[in-house]
N, C-alpha and C. Protein backbone atom coordinates (compact mmCIF):
# COMPACT_ATOMS: atom_id res chain seq x y z
N MET A 1 137.57 75.85 144.45
CA MET A 1 137.56 76.14 145.88
C MET A 1 136.16 76.48 146.37
N ASN A 2 135.40 77.26 145.58
CA ASN A 2 134.04 77.61 145.99
C ASN A 2 133.16 76.39 146.13
N LEU A 3 133.33 75.42 145.25
CA LEU A 3 132.56 74.18 145.32
C LEU A 3 132.83 73.47 146.64
N HIS A 4 134.08 73.44 147.04
CA HIS A 4 134.43 72.81 148.31
C HIS A 4 133.81 73.58 149.48
N LEU A 5 133.86 74.88 149.44
CA LEU A 5 133.31 75.69 150.54
C LEU A 5 131.82 75.49 150.70
N THR A 6 131.10 75.29 149.60
CA THR A 6 129.65 75.09 149.71
C THR A 6 129.32 73.79 150.43
N SER A 7 130.23 72.83 150.43
CA SER A 7 129.96 71.57 151.13
C SER A 7 129.90 71.78 152.64
N HIS A 8 130.48 72.88 153.13
CA HIS A 8 130.47 73.18 154.56
C HIS A 8 129.33 74.13 154.94
N SER A 9 128.56 74.53 153.98
CA SER A 9 127.48 75.48 154.21
C SER A 9 126.16 74.74 154.36
N ASP A 10 125.21 75.37 155.03
CA ASP A 10 123.86 74.80 155.13
C ASP A 10 122.98 75.22 153.95
N SER A 11 123.50 76.08 153.12
CA SER A 11 122.74 76.59 151.98
C SER A 11 122.47 75.46 150.98
N ARG A 12 121.22 75.39 150.53
CA ARG A 12 120.80 74.42 149.52
C ARG A 12 120.01 75.18 148.45
N PRO A 13 120.72 75.82 147.54
CA PRO A 13 120.05 76.72 146.60
C PRO A 13 119.28 76.04 145.48
N TYR A 14 119.50 74.76 145.24
CA TYR A 14 118.85 74.08 144.13
C TYR A 14 117.61 73.33 144.61
N GLN A 15 116.46 73.67 144.04
CA GLN A 15 115.17 73.12 144.46
C GLN A 15 114.56 72.28 143.34
N CYS A 16 114.08 71.11 143.70
CA CYS A 16 113.40 70.25 142.73
C CYS A 16 112.05 70.87 142.35
N PRO A 17 111.74 70.91 141.06
CA PRO A 17 110.45 71.46 140.64
C PRO A 17 109.27 70.51 140.89
N PHE A 18 109.57 69.25 141.27
CA PHE A 18 108.52 68.25 141.47
C PHE A 18 108.21 67.97 142.93
N CYS A 19 109.16 68.27 143.82
CA CYS A 19 108.96 67.98 145.25
C CYS A 19 109.76 68.98 146.08
N SER A 20 109.84 68.75 147.37
CA SER A 20 110.51 69.70 148.26
C SER A 20 112.01 69.46 148.41
N TYR A 21 112.55 68.52 147.66
CA TYR A 21 113.99 68.22 147.73
C TYR A 21 114.83 69.44 147.38
N ARG A 22 115.85 69.70 148.19
CA ARG A 22 116.80 70.79 147.94
C ARG A 22 118.20 70.22 148.06
N CYS A 23 119.16 70.80 147.32
CA CYS A 23 120.54 70.32 147.37
C CYS A 23 121.52 71.46 147.12
N LYS A 24 122.78 71.14 147.30
CA LYS A 24 123.85 72.13 147.20
C LYS A 24 124.42 72.26 145.80
N ARG A 25 124.28 71.22 144.99
CA ARG A 25 124.94 71.20 143.68
C ARG A 25 123.93 70.93 142.56
N SER A 26 124.14 71.58 141.43
CA SER A 26 123.21 71.43 140.31
C SER A 26 123.19 70.01 139.77
N TYR A 27 124.35 69.33 139.73
CA TYR A 27 124.36 67.96 139.22
C TYR A 27 123.60 67.01 140.15
N SER A 28 123.59 67.31 141.44
CA SER A 28 122.79 66.49 142.37
C SER A 28 121.30 66.66 142.08
N LEU A 29 120.91 67.88 141.76
CA LEU A 29 119.51 68.12 141.41
C LEU A 29 119.15 67.40 140.11
N GLN A 30 120.02 67.46 139.11
CA GLN A 30 119.75 66.78 137.84
C GLN A 30 119.56 65.28 138.06
N GLU A 31 120.40 64.69 138.91
CA GLU A 31 120.27 63.27 139.20
C GLU A 31 118.97 62.99 139.94
N HIS A 32 118.62 63.85 140.89
CA HIS A 32 117.38 63.67 141.65
C HIS A 32 116.14 63.76 140.75
N ILE A 33 116.14 64.73 139.85
CA ILE A 33 114.97 64.94 138.99
C ILE A 33 114.64 63.68 138.20
N ARG A 34 115.65 62.88 137.86
CA ARG A 34 115.40 61.64 137.13
C ARG A 34 114.52 60.67 137.91
N THR A 35 114.46 60.81 139.25
CA THR A 35 113.59 59.93 140.04
C THR A 35 112.12 60.21 139.73
N HIS A 36 111.84 61.39 139.18
CA HIS A 36 110.47 61.77 138.84
C HIS A 36 110.14 61.53 137.37
N THR A 37 111.11 61.15 136.57
CA THR A 37 110.89 61.01 135.13
C THR A 37 111.32 59.61 134.66
N ASP A 38 111.09 59.35 133.41
CA ASP A 38 111.53 58.08 132.80
C ASP A 38 112.88 58.22 132.11
N ASP A 39 113.54 59.35 132.29
CA ASP A 39 114.82 59.61 131.64
C ASP A 39 115.89 58.66 132.17
N LYS A 40 116.49 57.90 131.27
CA LYS A 40 117.58 56.97 131.61
C LYS A 40 118.71 57.21 130.62
N PRO A 41 119.54 58.20 130.89
CA PRO A 41 120.55 58.60 129.91
C PRO A 41 121.76 57.69 129.81
N PHE A 42 121.93 56.77 130.74
CA PHE A 42 123.12 55.91 130.73
C PHE A 42 122.73 54.56 130.13
N THR A 43 123.23 54.29 128.93
CA THR A 43 122.81 53.09 128.20
C THR A 43 123.98 52.13 127.98
N CYS A 44 123.64 50.85 128.03
CA CYS A 44 124.61 49.80 127.79
C CYS A 44 124.80 49.64 126.29
N ASN A 45 126.05 49.53 125.87
CA ASN A 45 126.32 49.36 124.44
C ASN A 45 126.33 47.89 124.03
N LEU A 46 126.02 46.98 124.97
CA LEU A 46 126.00 45.55 124.67
C LEU A 46 124.61 44.93 124.72
N CYS A 47 123.66 45.65 125.33
CA CYS A 47 122.28 45.15 125.40
C CYS A 47 121.35 46.36 125.51
N ASP A 48 120.07 46.13 125.76
CA ASP A 48 119.12 47.24 125.78
C ASP A 48 118.92 47.85 127.16
N TYR A 49 119.80 47.55 128.11
CA TYR A 49 119.69 48.11 129.47
C TYR A 49 120.00 49.60 129.46
N SER A 50 119.25 50.35 130.26
CA SER A 50 119.56 51.77 130.47
C SER A 50 119.28 52.09 131.93
N ALA A 51 119.93 53.14 132.43
CA ALA A 51 119.85 53.46 133.85
C ALA A 51 119.74 54.96 134.07
N LYS A 52 119.20 55.31 135.22
CA LYS A 52 119.09 56.71 135.60
C LYS A 52 120.40 57.23 136.18
N LYS A 53 121.21 56.33 136.75
CA LYS A 53 122.47 56.72 137.37
C LYS A 53 123.63 55.97 136.72
N LYS A 54 124.76 56.65 136.58
CA LYS A 54 125.94 56.03 135.99
C LYS A 54 126.42 54.85 136.83
N PHE A 55 126.31 54.97 138.15
CA PHE A 55 126.72 53.87 139.03
C PHE A 55 125.97 52.58 138.67
N ASN A 56 124.67 52.70 138.42
CA ASN A 56 123.88 51.51 138.09
C ASN A 56 124.33 50.89 136.77
N LEU A 57 124.67 51.74 135.81
CA LEU A 57 125.20 51.21 134.54
C LEU A 57 126.54 50.52 134.78
N ASP A 58 127.40 51.13 135.57
CA ASP A 58 128.70 50.52 135.87
C ASP A 58 128.53 49.14 136.51
N GLU A 59 127.59 49.02 137.44
CA GLU A 59 127.31 47.73 138.07
C GLU A 59 126.77 46.74 137.04
N HIS A 60 125.88 47.20 136.18
CA HIS A 60 125.33 46.34 135.13
C HIS A 60 126.42 45.82 134.20
N MET A 61 127.36 46.67 133.83
CA MET A 61 128.42 46.29 132.88
C MET A 61 129.26 45.12 133.41
N LYS A 62 129.33 44.97 134.71
CA LYS A 62 130.08 43.85 135.29
C LYS A 62 129.46 42.51 134.87
N LYS A 63 128.15 42.50 134.60
CA LYS A 63 127.48 41.27 134.18
C LYS A 63 127.98 40.79 132.82
N HIS A 64 128.43 41.72 132.00
CA HIS A 64 128.92 41.37 130.67
C HIS A 64 130.37 40.89 130.70
N SER A 65 131.03 41.10 131.81
CA SER A 65 132.44 40.72 131.93
C SER A 65 132.57 39.23 132.23
N THR A 66 133.61 38.63 131.75
CA THR A 66 133.88 37.22 132.07
C THR A 66 134.74 37.11 133.33
N SER A 67 135.18 38.24 133.84
CA SER A 67 136.01 38.26 135.04
C SER A 67 135.18 37.90 136.26
N ARG A 68 135.64 36.95 137.03
CA ARG A 68 135.02 36.55 138.29
C ARG A 68 136.13 36.53 139.34
N PRO A 69 136.44 37.70 139.92
CA PRO A 69 137.64 37.81 140.76
C PRO A 69 137.52 37.19 142.15
N PHE A 70 136.30 36.87 142.61
CA PHE A 70 136.15 36.34 143.96
C PHE A 70 136.05 34.82 143.91
N PHE A 71 136.97 34.15 144.61
CA PHE A 71 137.23 32.73 144.45
C PHE A 71 136.98 31.98 145.76
N CYS A 72 136.20 30.89 145.70
CA CYS A 72 135.96 30.04 146.86
C CYS A 72 137.12 29.07 147.01
N SER A 73 137.75 29.10 148.16
CA SER A 73 138.90 28.23 148.40
C SER A 73 138.48 26.78 148.69
N VAL A 74 137.20 26.54 148.92
CA VAL A 74 136.73 25.19 149.23
C VAL A 74 136.43 24.41 147.94
N CYS A 75 135.68 25.02 147.01
CA CYS A 75 135.25 24.27 145.83
C CYS A 75 135.67 24.89 144.50
N GLY A 76 136.25 26.08 144.53
CA GLY A 76 136.68 26.71 143.29
C GLY A 76 135.65 27.60 142.62
N HIS A 77 134.46 27.70 143.19
CA HIS A 77 133.42 28.58 142.63
C HIS A 77 133.96 30.01 142.53
N ARG A 78 133.63 30.68 141.42
CA ARG A 78 134.07 32.07 141.23
C ARG A 78 132.84 32.97 141.17
N SER A 79 132.97 34.16 141.75
CA SER A 79 131.86 35.11 141.80
C SER A 79 132.26 36.46 141.24
N LEU A 80 131.27 37.15 140.74
CA LEU A 80 131.45 38.49 140.22
C LEU A 80 131.62 39.50 141.35
N ARG A 81 130.90 39.29 142.46
CA ARG A 81 130.92 40.23 143.58
C ARG A 81 131.28 39.50 144.87
N SER A 82 131.89 40.24 145.78
CA SER A 82 132.26 39.64 147.07
C SER A 82 131.01 39.23 147.85
N SER A 83 129.92 40.00 147.71
CA SER A 83 128.67 39.65 148.42
C SER A 83 128.12 38.32 147.92
N HIS A 84 128.30 38.02 146.63
CA HIS A 84 127.85 36.73 146.09
C HIS A 84 128.70 35.59 146.65
N LEU A 85 129.98 35.83 146.80
CA LEU A 85 130.85 34.80 147.37
C LEU A 85 130.49 34.54 148.83
N LYS A 86 130.16 35.58 149.57
CA LYS A 86 129.76 35.40 150.98
C LYS A 86 128.52 34.52 151.07
N LEU A 87 127.56 34.77 150.19
CA LEU A 87 126.37 33.91 150.15
C LEU A 87 126.74 32.48 149.81
N HIS A 88 127.60 32.31 148.82
CA HIS A 88 128.03 30.99 148.40
C HIS A 88 128.71 30.24 149.55
N MET A 89 129.54 30.93 150.31
CA MET A 89 130.30 30.29 151.38
C MET A 89 129.40 29.67 152.45
N LYS A 90 128.19 30.19 152.58
CA LYS A 90 127.24 29.62 153.55
C LYS A 90 126.88 28.18 153.19
N LEU A 91 127.06 27.81 151.94
CA LEU A 91 126.77 26.44 151.52
C LEU A 91 127.75 25.43 152.11
N HIS A 92 128.92 25.90 152.51
CA HIS A 92 129.96 25.02 153.01
C HIS A 92 129.94 24.84 154.53
N VAL A 93 129.05 25.52 155.21
CA VAL A 93 128.95 25.36 156.66
C VAL A 93 127.55 24.88 157.00
N ASP A 94 127.38 24.30 158.16
CA ASP A 94 126.08 23.76 158.53
C ASP A 94 125.29 24.71 159.43
N TYR A 95 125.63 25.96 159.43
CA TYR A 95 124.92 26.95 160.22
C TYR A 95 123.60 27.29 159.54
N ARG A 96 122.48 27.08 160.22
CA ARG A 96 121.15 27.31 159.66
C ARG A 96 120.36 28.23 160.60
N PRO A 97 120.56 29.53 160.46
CA PRO A 97 119.94 30.46 161.41
C PRO A 97 118.46 30.74 161.19
N TYR A 98 117.91 30.34 160.03
CA TYR A 98 116.52 30.65 159.73
C TYR A 98 115.65 29.43 160.06
N LYS A 99 114.75 29.60 161.03
CA LYS A 99 113.95 28.49 161.54
C LYS A 99 112.47 28.71 161.28
N CYS A 100 111.80 27.64 160.88
CA CYS A 100 110.37 27.66 160.62
C CYS A 100 109.61 27.65 161.95
N ASN A 101 108.56 28.46 162.04
CA ASN A 101 107.74 28.51 163.26
C ASN A 101 106.70 27.38 163.31
N HIS A 102 106.56 26.65 162.21
CA HIS A 102 105.51 25.63 162.14
C HIS A 102 106.03 24.19 162.16
N CYS A 103 107.32 24.01 161.90
CA CYS A 103 107.90 22.66 161.88
C CYS A 103 109.39 22.75 162.21
N ASP A 104 110.11 21.65 162.03
CA ASP A 104 111.53 21.61 162.38
C ASP A 104 112.46 22.08 161.27
N TYR A 105 111.93 22.58 160.17
CA TYR A 105 112.74 23.01 159.04
C TYR A 105 113.65 24.18 159.43
N THR A 106 114.90 24.11 158.99
CA THR A 106 115.85 25.22 159.15
C THR A 106 116.51 25.48 157.81
N ALA A 107 116.99 26.71 157.62
CA ALA A 107 117.59 27.08 156.33
C ALA A 107 118.83 27.95 156.54
N LYS A 108 119.69 27.89 155.55
CA LYS A 108 120.90 28.73 155.56
C LYS A 108 120.60 30.14 155.06
N ARG A 109 119.58 30.27 154.21
CA ARG A 109 119.24 31.56 153.61
C ARG A 109 117.79 31.90 153.87
N SER A 110 117.52 33.18 154.07
CA SER A 110 116.16 33.62 154.37
C SER A 110 115.21 33.32 153.21
N GLY A 111 115.71 33.43 151.98
CA GLY A 111 114.87 33.14 150.81
C GLY A 111 114.40 31.69 150.78
N HIS A 112 115.25 30.78 151.25
CA HIS A 112 114.85 29.37 151.29
C HIS A 112 113.73 29.17 152.31
N LEU A 113 113.83 29.85 153.45
CA LEU A 113 112.77 29.75 154.46
C LEU A 113 111.47 30.33 153.91
N LYS A 114 111.55 31.45 153.20
CA LYS A 114 110.34 32.06 152.63
C LYS A 114 109.66 31.09 151.67
N SER A 115 110.45 30.41 150.84
CA SER A 115 109.88 29.42 149.91
C SER A 115 109.22 28.29 150.69
N HIS A 116 109.88 27.83 151.75
CA HIS A 116 109.34 26.76 152.58
C HIS A 116 108.02 27.18 153.22
N MET A 117 107.94 28.42 153.68
CA MET A 117 106.74 28.90 154.38
C MET A 117 105.50 28.87 153.48
N LYS A 118 105.70 28.97 152.16
CA LYS A 118 104.58 28.92 151.24
C LYS A 118 103.87 27.57 151.32
N LYS A 119 104.63 26.53 151.66
CA LYS A 119 104.04 25.20 151.82
C LYS A 119 103.04 25.20 152.97
N HIS A 120 103.36 25.91 154.06
CA HIS A 120 102.46 25.99 155.20
C HIS A 120 101.24 26.86 154.88
N ASP A 121 101.41 27.85 154.03
CA ASP A 121 100.29 28.72 153.63
C ASP A 121 99.23 27.94 152.88
N ARG A 122 99.67 26.88 152.15
CA ARG A 122 98.72 26.08 151.37
C ARG A 122 97.99 25.05 152.23
N GLU A 123 98.50 24.80 153.43
CA GLU A 123 97.89 23.77 154.29
C GLU A 123 96.60 24.26 154.90
């Protein structure tokens, strides 16, 4: 109950020894302190990846999975993440919102336009 009550308080008793960051909970401070160090306590048991936050390890572990739950209804492509499927779906429409300022080139993705722009930089 006390932990819950502190969430409603303005008190931030935990201070980072490296910067002015303050927080309400000791575990938040421990996580923050890792931003100042090379400590990466969360390690993958399938490769040499390690992370400062458990969330990052959890996201990394999805790469080792063969599960691809997001499915394209147009071509059958499967994706690990919904954001990847959204990017993929742009391939099936002719909407090209990214326009070159130097020629008539248009692109579906900003990264494609950035690659194209390098051609103009060499001119």
